[in-house]
Amino acid sequence: MVALVQPGKLAVGMLFNHIWSMAGPDDRADISTTYPQPFLNCNLGGGLAVGVSSEVSTNWEADQRVTAPLLFSVSKVALLGKRPTSLSVAAGPVVACPDGGGDWRFRFAVTFLYPR
């Protein structure tokens, strides 16, 4: 499920899903995982944007259930040859995680755009 509003230069929303096991062999582990991803982006013009998001993952079958990084991002839409492409980088602390989890998350993404 996705919810999105775009007031002015902002894009505010949430991507949400939940996965659970419903059938299968009894010796297989049960699955029950929730994944909300709230986000806020501000378009600065010229294809440049900044944002903040979190990718909270909750495993309801585990003792230590929650992993929650807080990501700060910068993205730029540019031409790669003749193809519009979004280039983005994000980094931020992990504010909650099971024992032994990482302290930071980093991301670099290239998204090819196909406008109508």
N, C-alpha and C. Protein backbone atom coordinates (compact mmCIF):
# COMPACT_ATOMS: atom_id res chain seq x y z
N MET A 1 0.84 -1.15 0.00
CA MET A 1 0.00 0.00 0.00
C MET A 1 0.91 1.23 0.00
N VAL A 2 0.50 2.25 -0.76
CA VAL A 2 1.26 3.50 -0.83
C VAL A 2 0.31 4.66 -0.60
N ALA A 3 0.73 5.60 0.22
CA ALA A 3 0.00 6.85 0.41
C ALA A 3 0.97 7.98 0.06
N LEU A 4 0.49 8.97 -0.71
CA LEU A 4 1.36 10.05 -1.15
C LEU A 4 0.56 11.33 -1.29
N VAL A 5 1.11 12.43 -0.77
CA VAL A 5 0.59 13.77 -1.02
C VAL A 5 1.77 14.62 -1.48
N GLN A 6 1.48 15.60 -2.35
CA GLN A 6 2.53 16.45 -2.88
C GLN A 6 2.13 17.91 -2.76
N PRO A 7 2.21 18.46 -1.54
CA PRO A 7 1.92 19.88 -1.38
C PRO A 7 3.12 20.74 -1.80
N GLY A 8 2.95 21.52 -2.84
CA GLY A 8 4.04 22.38 -3.31
C GLY A 8 5.25 21.59 -3.74
N LYS A 9 6.41 21.92 -3.16
CA LYS A 9 7.66 21.26 -3.52
C LYS A 9 7.92 19.99 -2.72
N LEU A 10 7.01 19.64 -1.82
CA LEU A 10 7.20 18.47 -0.97
C LEU A 10 6.53 17.23 -1.54
N ALA A 11 7.08 16.09 -1.21
CA ALA A 11 6.45 14.79 -1.45
C ALA A 11 6.51 14.06 -0.12
N VAL A 12 5.33 13.76 0.45
CA VAL A 12 5.24 13.14 1.76
C VAL A 12 4.42 11.87 1.62
N GLY A 13 4.88 10.79 2.18
CA GLY A 13 4.10 9.57 2.05
C GLY A 13 4.64 8.41 2.84
N MET A 14 4.04 7.25 2.58
CA MET A 14 4.46 6.03 3.23
C MET A 14 4.17 4.84 2.31
N LEU A 15 5.15 3.97 2.24
CA LEU A 15 5.00 2.67 1.60
C LEU A 15 4.86 1.67 2.75
N PHE A 16 3.88 0.76 2.66
CA PHE A 16 3.64 -0.16 3.77
C PHE A 16 3.31 -1.54 3.22
N ASN A 17 3.90 -2.56 3.82
CA ASN A 17 3.46 -3.93 3.52
C ASN A 17 3.67 -4.82 4.73
N HIS A 18 2.97 -5.93 4.72
CA HIS A 18 3.10 -6.94 5.76
C HIS A 18 3.09 -8.30 5.07
N ILE A 19 4.01 -9.15 5.47
CA ILE A 19 4.13 -10.49 4.89
C ILE A 19 3.98 -11.50 6.02
N TRP A 20 3.14 -12.50 5.81
CA TRP A 20 3.02 -13.55 6.81
C TRP A 20 2.77 -14.88 6.13
N SER A 21 3.19 -15.94 6.83
CA SER A 21 2.98 -17.28 6.29
C SER A 21 1.56 -17.73 6.64
N MET A 22 0.95 -18.44 5.70
CA MET A 22 -0.41 -18.90 5.91
C MET A 22 -0.54 -20.41 5.76
N ALA A 23 0.39 -21.04 5.11
CA ALA A 23 0.32 -22.48 4.86
C ALA A 23 1.73 -23.00 4.62
N GLY A 24 1.84 -24.27 4.47
CA GLY A 24 3.13 -24.86 4.17
C GLY A 24 3.49 -25.91 5.19
N PRO A 25 4.66 -26.50 5.04
CA PRO A 25 5.09 -27.56 5.96
C PRO A 25 5.18 -27.05 7.40
N ASP A 26 4.82 -27.89 8.35
CA ASP A 26 4.87 -27.52 9.77
C ASP A 26 6.29 -27.29 10.27
N ASP A 27 7.29 -27.89 9.62
CA ASP A 27 8.67 -27.72 10.08
C ASP A 27 9.32 -26.44 9.55
N ARG A 28 8.59 -25.67 8.73
CA ARG A 28 9.11 -24.40 8.23
C ARG A 28 8.80 -23.29 9.23
N ALA A 29 9.72 -22.37 9.41
CA ALA A 29 9.52 -21.26 10.36
C ALA A 29 8.36 -20.37 9.91
N ASP A 30 7.59 -19.87 10.87
CA ASP A 30 6.53 -18.91 10.57
C ASP A 30 7.13 -17.58 10.18
N ILE A 31 6.41 -16.84 9.34
CA ILE A 31 6.85 -15.52 8.89
C ILE A 31 5.77 -14.52 9.24
N SER A 32 6.17 -13.42 9.87
CA SER A 32 5.27 -12.30 10.14
C SER A 32 6.13 -11.05 10.23
N THR A 33 6.19 -10.30 9.13
CA THR A 33 7.08 -9.15 9.03
C THR A 33 6.30 -7.94 8.54
N THR A 34 6.47 -6.81 9.23
CA THR A 34 5.85 -5.54 8.85
C THR A 34 6.95 -4.60 8.36
N TYR A 35 6.64 -3.85 7.30
CA TYR A 35 7.65 -2.98 6.68
C TYR A 35 7.03 -1.63 6.31
N PRO A 36 6.93 -0.69 7.26
CA PRO A 36 6.52 0.67 6.91
C PRO A 36 7.73 1.51 6.50
N GLN A 37 7.56 2.34 5.48
CA GLN A 37 8.65 3.18 4.99
C GLN A 37 8.13 4.61 4.79
N PRO A 38 8.12 5.43 5.87
CA PRO A 38 7.71 6.82 5.70
C PRO A 38 8.81 7.63 5.01
N PHE A 39 8.41 8.64 4.23
CA PHE A 39 9.40 9.46 3.54
C PHE A 39 8.91 10.90 3.40
N LEU A 40 9.87 11.80 3.29
CA LEU A 40 9.64 13.22 3.04
C LEU A 40 10.73 13.70 2.10
N ASN A 41 10.34 14.22 0.94
CA ASN A 41 11.29 14.77 -0.02
C ASN A 41 10.94 16.22 -0.32
N CYS A 42 11.96 17.02 -0.53
CA CYS A 42 11.76 18.41 -0.94
C CYS A 42 12.47 18.63 -2.28
N ASN A 43 11.69 18.99 -3.30
CA ASN A 43 12.25 19.26 -4.62
C ASN A 43 12.80 20.69 -4.64
N LEU A 44 14.08 20.82 -4.93
CA LEU A 44 14.75 22.11 -4.89
C LEU A 44 14.78 22.80 -6.24
N GLY A 45 14.36 22.13 -7.29
CA GLY A 45 14.42 22.69 -8.64
C GLY A 45 15.63 22.18 -9.38
N GLY A 46 15.56 22.23 -10.69
CA GLY A 46 16.67 21.78 -11.51
C GLY A 46 16.95 20.30 -11.39
N GLY A 47 15.95 19.52 -10.96
CA GLY A 47 16.12 18.08 -10.82
C GLY A 47 16.78 17.64 -9.53
N LEU A 48 17.04 18.59 -8.62
CA LEU A 48 17.71 18.29 -7.35
C LEU A 48 16.67 18.16 -6.24
N ALA A 49 16.86 17.17 -5.36
CA ALA A 49 15.95 16.97 -4.23
C ALA A 49 16.73 16.47 -3.02
N VAL A 50 16.21 16.79 -1.84
CA VAL A 50 16.74 16.26 -0.59
C VAL A 50 15.60 15.57 0.14
N GLY A 51 15.94 14.61 0.98
CA GLY A 51 14.87 13.90 1.67
C GLY A 51 15.34 13.18 2.91
N VAL A 52 14.35 12.67 3.62
CA VAL A 52 14.60 11.83 4.79
C VAL A 52 13.58 10.70 4.76
N SER A 53 14.02 9.51 5.13
CA SER A 53 13.12 8.36 5.14
C SER A 53 13.59 7.38 6.20
N SER A 54 12.71 6.44 6.52
CA SER A 54 13.08 5.35 7.41
C SER A 54 12.53 4.07 6.80
N GLU A 55 13.25 2.99 6.98
CA GLU A 55 12.84 1.69 6.47
C GLU A 55 12.72 0.74 7.66
N VAL A 56 11.65 0.89 8.40
CA VAL A 56 11.46 0.11 9.61
C VAL A 56 11.04 -1.31 9.23
N SER A 57 11.73 -2.29 9.77
CA SER A 57 11.39 -3.69 9.54
C SER A 57 11.14 -4.33 10.90
N THR A 58 9.96 -4.91 11.05
CA THR A 58 9.61 -5.56 12.32
C THR A 58 9.33 -7.04 12.07
N ASN A 59 10.13 -7.90 12.67
CA ASN A 59 9.95 -9.34 12.57
C ASN A 59 9.22 -9.79 13.84
N TRP A 60 7.93 -10.03 13.73
CA TRP A 60 7.11 -10.37 14.89
C TRP A 60 7.42 -11.74 15.46
N GLU A 61 8.20 -12.54 14.77
CA GLU A 61 8.54 -13.88 15.24
C GLU A 61 9.88 -13.90 15.99
N ALA A 62 10.59 -12.78 16.05
CA ALA A 62 11.91 -12.72 16.68
C ALA A 62 11.83 -12.06 18.06
N ASP A 63 12.82 -12.35 18.89
CA ASP A 63 12.89 -11.70 20.21
C ASP A 63 13.26 -10.23 20.07
N GLN A 64 14.26 -9.94 19.25
CA GLN A 64 14.64 -8.56 18.96
C GLN A 64 14.03 -8.23 17.61
N ARG A 65 12.95 -7.48 17.60
CA ARG A 65 12.08 -7.40 16.45
C ARG A 65 12.38 -6.30 15.45
N VAL A 66 12.86 -5.15 15.91
CA VAL A 66 12.84 -3.95 15.08
C VAL A 66 14.22 -3.58 14.56
N THR A 67 14.28 -3.25 13.27
CA THR A 67 15.44 -2.61 12.65
C THR A 67 14.92 -1.32 12.03
N ALA A 68 15.54 -0.17 12.38
CA ALA A 68 15.02 1.12 11.91
C ALA A 68 16.16 2.08 11.59
N PRO A 69 16.59 2.11 10.33
CA PRO A 69 17.56 3.13 9.93
C PRO A 69 16.84 4.44 9.60
N LEU A 70 17.52 5.54 9.78
CA LEU A 70 17.02 6.87 9.41
C LEU A 70 17.95 7.38 8.31
N LEU A 71 17.43 7.51 7.09
CA LEU A 71 18.28 7.84 5.93
C LEU A 71 18.05 9.26 5.45
N PHE A 72 19.12 9.99 5.26
CA PHE A 72 19.09 11.33 4.69
C PHE A 72 19.63 11.23 3.27
N SER A 73 18.91 11.79 2.30
CA SER A 73 19.27 11.55 0.90
C SER A 73 19.37 12.84 0.10
N VAL A 74 20.13 12.74 -0.99
CA VAL A 74 20.24 13.77 -2.01
C VAL A 74 20.09 13.06 -3.35
N SER A 75 19.25 13.61 -4.22
CA SER A 75 19.10 13.00 -5.55
C SER A 75 19.11 14.07 -6.63
N LYS A 76 19.44 13.65 -7.82
CA LYS A 76 19.53 14.56 -8.96
C LYS A 76 19.07 13.82 -10.21
N VAL A 77 18.14 14.41 -10.94
CA VAL A 77 17.73 13.88 -12.23
C VAL A 77 18.63 14.52 -13.28
N ALA A 78 19.28 13.68 -14.08
CA ALA A 78 20.20 14.17 -15.10
C ALA A 78 20.08 13.27 -16.32
N LEU A 79 20.62 13.72 -17.43
CA LEU A 79 20.64 12.90 -18.64
C LEU A 79 21.88 12.03 -18.63
N LEU A 80 21.67 10.75 -18.87
CA LEU A 80 22.76 9.80 -19.04
C LEU A 80 22.68 9.42 -20.51
N GLY A 81 23.49 10.08 -21.33
CA GLY A 81 23.29 10.01 -22.78
C GLY A 81 22.02 10.79 -23.08
N LYS A 82 21.03 10.13 -23.68
CA LYS A 82 19.73 10.76 -23.93
C LYS A 82 18.66 10.31 -22.94
N ARG A 83 19.02 9.42 -22.01
CA ARG A 83 18.06 8.83 -21.08
C ARG A 83 18.01 9.62 -19.77
N PRO A 84 16.84 10.16 -19.38
CA PRO A 84 16.73 10.77 -18.05
C PRO A 84 16.96 9.71 -16.97
N THR A 85 17.78 10.08 -16.00
CA THR A 85 18.18 9.14 -14.96
C THR A 85 18.20 9.85 -13.62
N SER A 86 17.73 9.17 -12.59
CA SER A 86 17.81 9.71 -11.23
C SER A 86 19.00 9.06 -10.52
N LEU A 87 19.89 9.89 -10.03
CA LEU A 87 21.05 9.43 -9.27
C LEU A 87 20.83 9.86 -7.82
N SER A 88 20.98 8.94 -6.88
CA SER A 88 20.77 9.33 -5.48
C SER A 88 21.78 8.64 -4.57
N VAL A 89 22.05 9.33 -3.48
CA VAL A 89 22.90 8.80 -2.43
C VAL A 89 22.19 9.08 -1.11
N ALA A 90 22.27 8.12 -0.19
CA ALA A 90 21.64 8.27 1.12
C ALA A 90 22.53 7.64 2.18
N ALA A 91 22.47 8.20 3.38
CA ALA A 91 23.21 7.66 4.51
C ALA A 91 22.52 8.08 5.79
N GLY A 92 22.72 7.27 6.82
CA GLY A 92 22.15 7.65 8.10
C GLY A 92 22.34 6.58 9.15
N PRO A 93 22.08 6.94 10.41
CA PRO A 93 22.26 6.00 11.51
C PRO A 93 21.12 4.99 11.59
N VAL A 94 21.43 3.85 12.14
CA VAL A 94 20.40 2.86 12.47
C VAL A 94 20.00 3.16 13.92
N VAL A 95 18.76 3.59 14.12
CA VAL A 95 18.33 4.02 15.45
C VAL A 95 17.82 2.87 16.31
N ALA A 96 17.50 1.73 15.70
CA ALA A 96 17.11 0.53 16.44
C ALA A 96 17.50 -0.69 15.61
N CYS A 97 18.07 -1.70 16.26
CA CYS A 97 18.42 -2.93 15.54
C CYS A 97 18.70 -4.04 16.54
N PRO A 98 18.62 -5.29 16.10
CA PRO A 98 18.99 -6.42 16.96
C PRO A 98 20.47 -6.35 17.33
N ASP A 99 20.84 -7.04 18.40
CA ASP A 99 22.25 -7.09 18.81
C ASP A 99 23.11 -7.53 17.63
N GLY A 100 24.24 -6.86 17.45
CA GLY A 100 25.16 -7.21 16.39
C GLY A 100 24.84 -6.58 15.05
N GLY A 101 23.75 -5.78 14.97
CA GLY A 101 23.40 -5.10 13.72
C GLY A 101 24.31 -3.92 13.46
N GLY A 102 24.27 -3.42 12.25
CA GLY A 102 25.12 -2.29 11.87
C GLY A 102 24.65 -0.99 12.49
N ASP A 103 25.56 -0.01 12.58
CA ASP A 103 25.25 1.30 13.14
C ASP A 103 24.80 2.30 12.09
N TRP A 104 25.18 2.08 10.82
CA TRP A 104 24.88 3.03 9.75
C TRP A 104 24.42 2.28 8.51
N ARG A 105 23.66 2.98 7.67
CA ARG A 105 23.27 2.47 6.35
C ARG A 105 23.72 3.47 5.31
N PHE A 106 24.14 2.94 4.18
CA PHE A 106 24.54 3.76 3.04
C PHE A 106 23.84 3.20 1.80
N ARG A 107 23.51 4.09 0.87
CA ARG A 107 22.85 3.64 -0.36
C ARG A 107 23.27 4.56 -1.50
N PHE A 108 23.49 3.93 -2.64
CA PHE A 108 23.67 4.64 -3.90
C PHE A 108 22.74 3.99 -4.89
N ALA A 109 21.94 4.77 -5.60
CA ALA A 109 20.97 4.20 -6.53
C ALA A 109 20.98 4.95 -7.85
N VAL A 110 20.78 4.20 -8.92
CA VAL A 110 20.60 4.75 -10.26
C VAL A 110 19.26 4.23 -10.74
N THR A 111 18.35 5.15 -11.12
CA THR A 111 17.03 4.76 -11.60
C THR A 111 16.82 5.35 -12.98
N PHE A 112 16.61 4.50 -13.97
CA PHE A 112 16.36 4.96 -15.33
C PHE A 112 14.88 5.37 -15.43
N LEU A 113 14.64 6.54 -15.98
CA LEU A 113 13.30 7.11 -16.05
C LEU A 113 12.75 6.99 -17.48
N TYR A 114 11.48 6.67 -17.57
CA TYR A 114 10.81 6.53 -18.86
C TYR A 114 9.57 7.43 -18.90
N PRO A 115 9.78 8.73 -19.10
CA PRO A 115 8.63 9.64 -19.13
C PRO A 115 7.76 9.40 -20.36
N ARG A 116 6.49 9.76 -20.21
CA ARG A 116 5.55 9.60 -21.34
C ARG A 116 5.71 10.72 -22.33
